[in-house]
Amino acid sequence: MRLLLAALALLIAGGAGYIRLAPSDPARWHVAPRLAALEKGGPLGQVLTVEGGAAVQLASADPASLLARLDGIALATPRTRRLAGSVAEGRITWISRSLFWGFPDYTTAQVTPEGLVIHARQRFGSNDWGVNAARLEIWLTRLSRS
């Protein structure tokens, strides 16, 4: 029985270590937000739940300024750091990790002629339980106050 429990503990620790330490390849995650996710409708500024995450499109006459403000908000979010990109590039991808297991979620914001498109998505699992949509809602609330 002890051997079984030890094996189970080792399996759990190995899985947790992989989730927390798995490298995040910018070539895979720092890509243009899926605009198709927003084609299903909804007013501008409304966070839409999409497969594996959430997306929103913001209209703005100055999307680069909006991206700069969003970058500050994202970097002030616990367990969130910039994975790739910059305001000058017009696209930034952040990685946010859950508190306990360290599950990574990737959020990419990109300047477009119409404004700013933001797509948040999970890396592991088939259901993000609304975490990405909730994070986007919080960021948008802070953005509207800044």
C-alpha atoms as a PDB file:
ATOM      1  CA  MET A   1       0.000   0.000   0.000  1.00  0.00           C
ATOM      2  CA  ARG A   2       2.852   2.388   0.830  1.00  0.00           C
ATOM      3  CA  LEU A   3       4.458   1.693  -2.514  1.00  0.00           C
ATOM      4  CA  LEU A   4       1.191   2.494  -4.289  1.00  0.00           C
ATOM      5  CA  LEU A   5       0.803   5.765  -2.365  1.00  0.00           C
ATOM      6  CA  ALA A   6       4.426   6.688  -3.062  1.00  0.00           C
ATOM      7  CA  ALA A   7       3.947   5.995  -6.776  1.00  0.00           C
ATOM      8  CA  LEU A   8       0.752   8.060  -6.813  1.00  0.00           C
ATOM      9  CA  ALA A   9       2.474  10.954  -5.012  1.00  0.00           C
ATOM     10  CA  LEU A  10       5.363  10.803  -7.469  1.00  0.00           C
ATOM     11  CA  LEU A  11       2.953  10.797 -10.414  1.00  0.00           C
ATOM     12  CA  ILE A  12       1.075  13.830  -9.058  1.00  0.00           C
ATOM     13  CA  ALA A  13       4.314  15.701  -8.307  1.00  0.00           C
ATOM     14  CA  GLY A  14       5.644  14.915 -11.784  1.00  0.00           C
ATOM     15  CA  GLY A  15       2.454  16.155 -13.426  1.00  0.00           C
ATOM     16  CA  ALA A  16       2.438  19.314 -11.334  1.00  0.00           C
ATOM     17  CA  GLY A  17       6.089  19.910 -12.163  1.00  0.00           C
ATOM     18  CA  TYR A  18       5.452  19.478 -15.875  1.00  0.00           C
ATOM     19  CA  ILE A  19       2.507  21.902 -15.814  1.00  0.00           C
ATOM     20  CA  ARG A  20       4.436  24.545 -13.885  1.00  0.00           C
ATOM     21  CA  LEU A  21       7.774  24.158 -15.702  1.00  0.00           C
ATOM     22  CA  ALA A  22       6.732  23.333 -19.289  1.00  0.00           C
ATOM     23  CA  PRO A  23       8.327  25.877 -21.613  1.00  0.00           C
ATOM     24  CA  SER A  24       6.094  28.404 -23.343  1.00  0.00           C
ATOM     25  CA  ASP A  25       7.136  28.733 -26.958  1.00  0.00           C
ATOM     26  CA  PRO A  26       6.439  32.274 -28.200  1.00  0.00           C
ATOM     27  CA  ALA A  27       6.249  30.949 -31.775  1.00  0.00           C
ATOM     28  CA  ARG A  28       3.210  28.909 -30.741  1.00  0.00           C
ATOM     29  CA  TRP A  29       1.460  31.413 -28.476  1.00  0.00           C
ATOM     30  CA  HIS A  30       2.463  34.891 -29.717  1.00  0.00           C
ATOM     31  CA  VAL A  31       0.242  34.750 -32.782  1.00  0.00           C
ATOM     32  CA  ALA A  32      -2.486  36.997 -34.126  1.00  0.00           C
ATOM     33  CA  PRO A  33      -5.711  36.655 -32.113  1.00  0.00           C
ATOM     34  CA  ARG A  34      -8.314  34.485 -33.739  1.00  0.00           C
ATOM     35  CA  LEU A  35     -10.612  37.043 -35.325  1.00  0.00           C
ATOM     36  CA  ALA A  36     -12.937  34.216 -36.356  1.00  0.00           C
ATOM     37  CA  ALA A  37     -13.757  33.858 -32.671  1.00  0.00           C
ATOM     38  CA  LEU A  38     -15.353  37.297 -32.764  1.00  0.00           C
ATOM     39  CA  GLU A  39     -17.339  36.737 -35.940  1.00  0.00           C
ATOM     40  CA  LYS A  40     -20.111  35.028 -34.021  1.00  0.00           C
ATOM     41  CA  GLY A  41     -21.364  38.452 -33.080  1.00  0.00           C
ATOM     42  CA  GLY A  42     -21.919  40.471 -29.986  1.00  0.00           C
ATOM     43  CA  PRO A  43     -21.343  44.147 -29.434  1.00  0.00           C
ATOM     44  CA  LEU A  44     -17.859  45.628 -29.338  1.00  0.00           C
ATOM     45  CA  GLY A  45     -16.407  45.442 -25.857  1.00  0.00           C
ATOM     46  CA  GLN A  46     -18.384  42.334 -24.911  1.00  0.00           C
ATOM     47  CA  VAL A  47     -16.279  39.378 -23.792  1.00  0.00           C
ATOM     48  CA  LEU A  48     -17.291  36.326 -25.778  1.00  0.00           C
ATOM     49  CA  THR A  49     -16.666  32.786 -24.615  1.00  0.00           C
ATOM     50  CA  VAL A  50     -14.882  30.849 -27.338  1.00  0.00           C
ATOM     51  CA  GLU A  51     -13.463  27.352 -27.471  1.00  0.00           C
ATOM     52  CA  GLY A  52     -10.713  27.125 -24.879  1.00  0.00           C
ATOM     53  CA  GLY A  53     -11.019  30.696 -23.672  1.00  0.00           C
ATOM     54  CA  ALA A  54     -12.481  34.104 -24.397  1.00  0.00           C
ATOM     55  CA  ALA A  55     -12.136  36.983 -26.861  1.00  0.00           C
ATOM     56  CA  VAL A  56     -13.118  40.629 -27.113  1.00  0.00           C
ATOM     57  CA  GLN A  57     -12.780  43.409 -29.661  1.00  0.00           C
ATOM     58  CA  LEU A  58     -12.463  47.021 -28.538  1.00  0.00           C
ATOM     59  CA  ALA A  59     -13.051  49.960 -30.861  1.00  0.00           C
ATOM     60  CA  SER A  60     -10.499  52.715 -30.418  1.00  0.00           C
ATOM     61  CA  ALA A  61      -9.188  55.692 -32.331  1.00  0.00           C
ATOM     62  CA  ASP A  62      -5.811  55.073 -30.629  1.00  0.00           C
ATOM     63  CA  PRO A  63      -5.412  51.304 -30.175  1.00  0.00           C
ATOM     64  CA  ALA A  64      -1.656  51.550 -29.494  1.00  0.00           C
ATOM     65  CA  SER A  65      -2.355  53.710 -26.436  1.00  0.00           C
ATOM     66  CA  LEU A  66      -5.019  51.236 -25.365  1.00  0.00           C
ATOM     67  CA  LEU A  67      -2.497  48.383 -25.739  1.00  0.00           C
ATOM     68  CA  ALA A  68       0.053  50.291 -23.626  1.00  0.00           C
ATOM     69  CA  ARG A  69      -2.501  50.800 -20.845  1.00  0.00           C
ATOM     70  CA  LEU A  70      -3.563  47.145 -21.052  1.00  0.00           C
ATOM     71  CA  ASP A  71       0.078  46.066 -20.790  1.00  0.00           C
ATOM     72  CA  GLY A  72       0.394  47.906 -17.474  1.00  0.00           C
ATOM     73  CA  ILE A  73      -2.813  46.324 -16.199  1.00  0.00           C
ATOM     74  CA  ALA A  74      -1.733  42.834 -17.270  1.00  0.00           C
ATOM     75  CA  LEU A  75       1.706  43.164 -15.688  1.00  0.00           C
ATOM     76  CA  ALA A  76       0.101  44.309 -12.431  1.00  0.00           C
ATOM     77  CA  THR A  77      -1.979  41.106 -12.349  1.00  0.00           C
ATOM     78  CA  PRO A  78      -0.592  38.469  -9.962  1.00  0.00           C
ATOM     79  CA  ARG A  79       1.305  35.604 -11.638  1.00  0.00           C
ATOM     80  CA  THR A  80       1.204  37.333 -15.041  1.00  0.00           C
ATOM     81  CA  ARG A  81       4.235  38.237 -17.124  1.00  0.00           C
ATOM     82  CA  ARG A  82       4.906  39.242 -20.715  1.00  0.00           C
ATOM     83  CA  LEU A  83       5.797  36.269 -22.890  1.00  0.00           C
ATOM     84  CA  ALA A  84       6.517  38.190 -26.091  1.00  0.00           C
ATOM     85  CA  GLY A  85       5.807  41.361 -28.001  1.00  0.00           C
ATOM     86  CA  SER A  86       5.627  45.061 -27.277  1.00  0.00           C
ATOM     87  CA  VAL A  87       3.497  48.114 -27.825  1.00  0.00           C
ATOM     88  CA  ALA A  88       5.850  49.123 -30.651  1.00  0.00           C
ATOM     89  CA  GLU A  89       5.242  45.737 -32.316  1.00  0.00           C
ATOM     90  CA  GLY A  90       1.498  46.198 -31.951  1.00  0.00           C
ATOM     91  CA  ARG A  91       1.013  42.799 -30.352  1.00  0.00           C
ATOM     92  CA  ILE A  92       1.700  41.519 -26.829  1.00  0.00           C
ATOM     93  CA  THR A  93       1.198  38.057 -25.360  1.00  0.00           C
ATOM     94  CA  TRP A  94       1.062  37.551 -21.603  1.00  0.00           C
ATOM     95  CA  ILE A  95       1.150  34.297 -19.683  1.00  0.00           C
ATOM     96  CA  SER A  96      -0.940  34.057 -16.504  1.00  0.00           C
ATOM     97  CA  ARG A  97      -0.603  31.098 -14.152  1.00  0.00           C
ATOM     98  CA  SER A  98      -3.119  29.707 -11.682  1.00  0.00           C
ATOM     99  CA  LEU A  99      -2.169  29.967  -8.020  1.00  0.00           C
ATOM    100  CA  PHE A 100      -2.016  26.337  -6.933  1.00  0.00           C
ATOM    101  CA  TRP A 101      -1.082  24.199  -9.949  1.00  0.00           C
ATOM    102  CA  GLY A 102       0.442  26.933 -12.097  1.00  0.00           C
ATOM    103  CA  PHE A 103      -1.714  26.179 -15.147  1.00  0.00           C
ATOM    104  CA  PRO A 104      -0.695  28.616 -17.914  1.00  0.00           C
ATOM    105  CA  ASP A 105      -3.191  30.723 -19.839  1.00  0.00           C
ATOM    106  CA  TYR A 106      -2.075  32.909 -22.747  1.00  0.00           C
ATOM    107  CA  THR A 107      -3.616  36.267 -23.605  1.00  0.00           C
ATOM    108  CA  THR A 108      -2.700  38.036 -26.823  1.00  0.00           C
ATOM    109  CA  ALA A 109      -3.751  41.590 -27.655  1.00  0.00           C
ATOM    110  CA  GLN A 110      -3.177  43.065 -31.092  1.00  0.00           C
ATOM    111  CA  VAL A 111      -3.678  46.484 -32.615  1.00  0.00           C
ATOM    112  CA  THR A 112      -5.929  46.416 -35.695  1.00  0.00           C
ATOM    113  CA  PRO A 113      -7.237  49.230 -37.907  1.00  0.00           C
ATOM    114  CA  GLU A 114     -10.553  49.007 -36.015  1.00  0.00           C
ATOM    115  CA  GLY A 115      -9.098  48.936 -32.507  1.00  0.00           C
ATOM    116  CA  LEU A 116      -7.746  46.231 -30.237  1.00  0.00           C
ATOM    117  CA  VAL A 117      -8.475  42.499 -30.412  1.00  0.00           C
ATOM    118  CA  ILE A 118      -7.783  40.362 -27.344  1.00  0.00           C
ATOM    119  CA  HIS A 119      -7.829  36.567 -27.232  1.00  0.00           C
ATOM    120  CA  ALA A 120      -7.261  34.615 -23.994  1.00  0.00           C
ATOM    121  CA  ARG A 121      -6.859  30.853 -24.102  1.00  0.00           C
ATOM    122  CA  GLN A 122      -5.800  27.892 -22.034  1.00  0.00           C
ATOM    123  CA  ARG A 123      -2.946  25.520 -22.714  1.00  0.00           C
ATOM    124  CA  PHE A 124      -4.037  22.394 -20.851  1.00  0.00           C
ATOM    125  CA  GLY A 125      -7.459  20.780 -20.560  1.00  0.00           C
ATOM    126  CA  SER A 126     -10.691  21.091 -22.454  1.00  0.00           C
ATOM    127  CA  ASN A 127     -12.561  23.545 -20.224  1.00  0.00           C
ATOM    128  CA  ASP A 128     -11.161  26.705 -18.670  1.00  0.00           C
ATOM    129  CA  TRP A 129     -14.206  27.084 -16.365  1.00  0.00           C
ATOM    130  CA  GLY A 130     -14.598  30.736 -17.388  1.00  0.00           C
ATOM    131  CA  VAL A 131     -11.232  31.789 -15.970  1.00  0.00           C
ATOM    132  CA  ASN A 132     -10.083  33.548 -19.145  1.00  0.00           C
ATOM    133  CA  ALA A 133     -13.370  35.399 -19.608  1.00  0.00           C
ATOM    134  CA  ALA A 134     -13.277  36.496 -15.961  1.00  0.00           C
ATOM    135  CA  ARG A 135      -9.702  37.762 -16.339  1.00  0.00           C
ATOM    136  CA  LEU A 136     -10.645  39.719 -19.464  1.00  0.00           C
ATOM    137  CA  GLU A 137     -13.643  41.250 -17.656  1.00  0.00           C
ATOM    138  CA  ILE A 138     -11.370  42.375 -14.805  1.00  0.00           C
ATOM    139  CA  TRP A 139      -8.813  43.825 -17.224  1.00  0.00           C
ATOM    140  CA  LEU A 140     -11.522  45.655 -19.177  1.00  0.00           C
ATOM    141  CA  THR A 141     -12.969  47.138 -15.983  1.00  0.00           C
ATOM    142  CA  ARG A 142      -9.516  48.393 -14.995  1.00  0.00           C
ATOM    143  CA  LEU A 143      -8.928  49.658 -18.522  1.00  0.00           C
ATOM    144  CA  SER A 144     -12.145  51.690 -18.436  1.00  0.00           C
ATOM    145  CA  ARG A 145     -10.975  53.305 -15.173  1.00  0.00           C
ATOM    146  CA  SER A 146      -7.452  54.149 -16.333  1.00  0.00           C
END
